[in-house]
């Protein structure tokens, strides 16, 4: 899994697994999931992340007990 945050467009991106995107589904307003042809999730994108998750500087995310730094790009 790879997680990144694009501060220019305020989007949190989660790459779950490699694959070819066959379909993109909006599961909530501005929350998109890319699926492969078998319906397996490949990528998750949250647009307007600071509004949805909280107004903070995205420097890290905590998964279980592990703190993972988020690379900013763009």
Protein backbone atom coordinates (compact mmCIF):
# COMPACT_ATOMS: atom_id res chain seq x y z
CA UNK A 1 0.00 0.00 0.00
CA UNK A 2 1.24 3.47 -0.87
CA UNK A 3 -0.29 6.65 0.57
CA UNK A 4 0.36 10.19 -0.64
CA UNK A 5 -1.17 13.64 -0.26
CA UNK A 6 -1.30 16.27 -3.00
CA UNK A 7 -1.53 19.60 -1.17
CA UNK A 8 -2.15 21.59 -4.37
CA UNK A 9 -5.49 19.88 -4.99
CA UNK A 10 -6.07 18.70 -1.39
CA UNK A 11 -6.34 15.03 -2.36
CA UNK A 12 -5.37 11.99 -0.31
CA UNK A 13 -4.41 9.07 -2.55
CA UNK A 14 -4.11 5.44 -1.47
CA UNK A 15 -2.70 2.87 -3.87
CA UNK A 16 -3.93 -0.51 -2.63
CA UNK A 17 -2.48 -2.82 -5.28
CA UNK A 18 -1.16 -2.75 -8.82
CA UNK A 19 -3.53 -3.42 -11.68
CA UNK A 20 -5.38 -2.01 -14.66
CA UNK A 21 -8.29 0.28 -13.83
CA UNK A 22 -11.50 -0.88 -15.50
CA UNK A 23 -13.97 1.33 -13.65
CA UNK A 24 -14.05 4.27 -11.22
CA UNK A 25 -16.85 4.42 -8.67
CA UNK A 26 -17.78 7.44 -6.55
CA UNK A 27 -18.63 5.84 -3.20
CA UNK A 28 -19.35 9.18 -1.50
CA UNK A 29 -19.14 12.78 -2.71
CA UNK A 30 -15.55 13.30 -3.92
CA UNK A 31 -14.44 9.84 -2.69
CA UNK A 32 -13.44 7.69 -5.64
CA UNK A 33 -12.40 4.04 -5.87
CA UNK A 34 -10.76 2.58 -8.97
CA UNK A 35 -11.60 -1.07 -9.60
CA UNK A 36 -10.08 -3.74 -11.84
CA UNK A 37 -12.23 -5.86 -14.18
CA UNK A 38 -12.96 -8.34 -11.35
CA UNK A 39 -14.18 -5.54 -9.05
CA UNK A 40 -11.09 -5.54 -6.82
CA UNK A 41 -10.18 -2.09 -5.44
CA UNK A 42 -6.89 -0.69 -6.74
CA UNK A 43 -6.83 2.98 -5.72
CA UNK A 44 -8.72 5.28 -3.37
CA UNK A 45 -8.80 9.06 -3.81
CA UNK A 46 -10.35 11.53 -1.38
CA UNK A 47 -10.73 14.97 -2.94
CA UNK A 48 -11.04 17.81 -0.44
CA UNK A 49 -9.35 15.61 2.14
CA UNK A 50 -8.64 18.33 4.71
CA UNK A 51 -12.36 19.15 4.87
CA UNK A 52 -13.42 15.51 5.16
CA UNK A 53 -10.69 14.22 7.46
CA UNK A 54 -9.83 17.36 9.37
CA UNK A 55 -8.01 20.60 8.81
CA UNK A 56 -4.49 19.53 9.55
CA UNK A 57 -1.20 19.29 7.77
CA UNK A 58 -0.97 15.80 6.32
CA UNK A 59 2.50 14.68 7.36
CA UNK A 60 1.74 11.16 8.53
CA UNK A 61 -1.02 8.63 8.87
CA UNK A 62 -1.31 6.02 11.60
CA UNK A 63 -2.20 2.46 10.54
CA UNK A 64 -2.58 0.22 13.57
CA UNK A 65 0.45 1.05 15.70
CA UNK A 66 2.60 2.13 12.77
CA UNK A 67 3.06 5.80 11.84
CA UNK A 68 3.63 6.25 8.12
CA UNK A 69 4.96 9.54 6.68
CA UNK A 70 3.01 10.89 3.71
CA UNK A 71 4.99 12.18 0.76
CA UNK A 72 3.57 15.39 -0.68
CA UNK A 73 3.82 15.85 -4.40
CA UNK A 74 3.12 18.51 -7.04
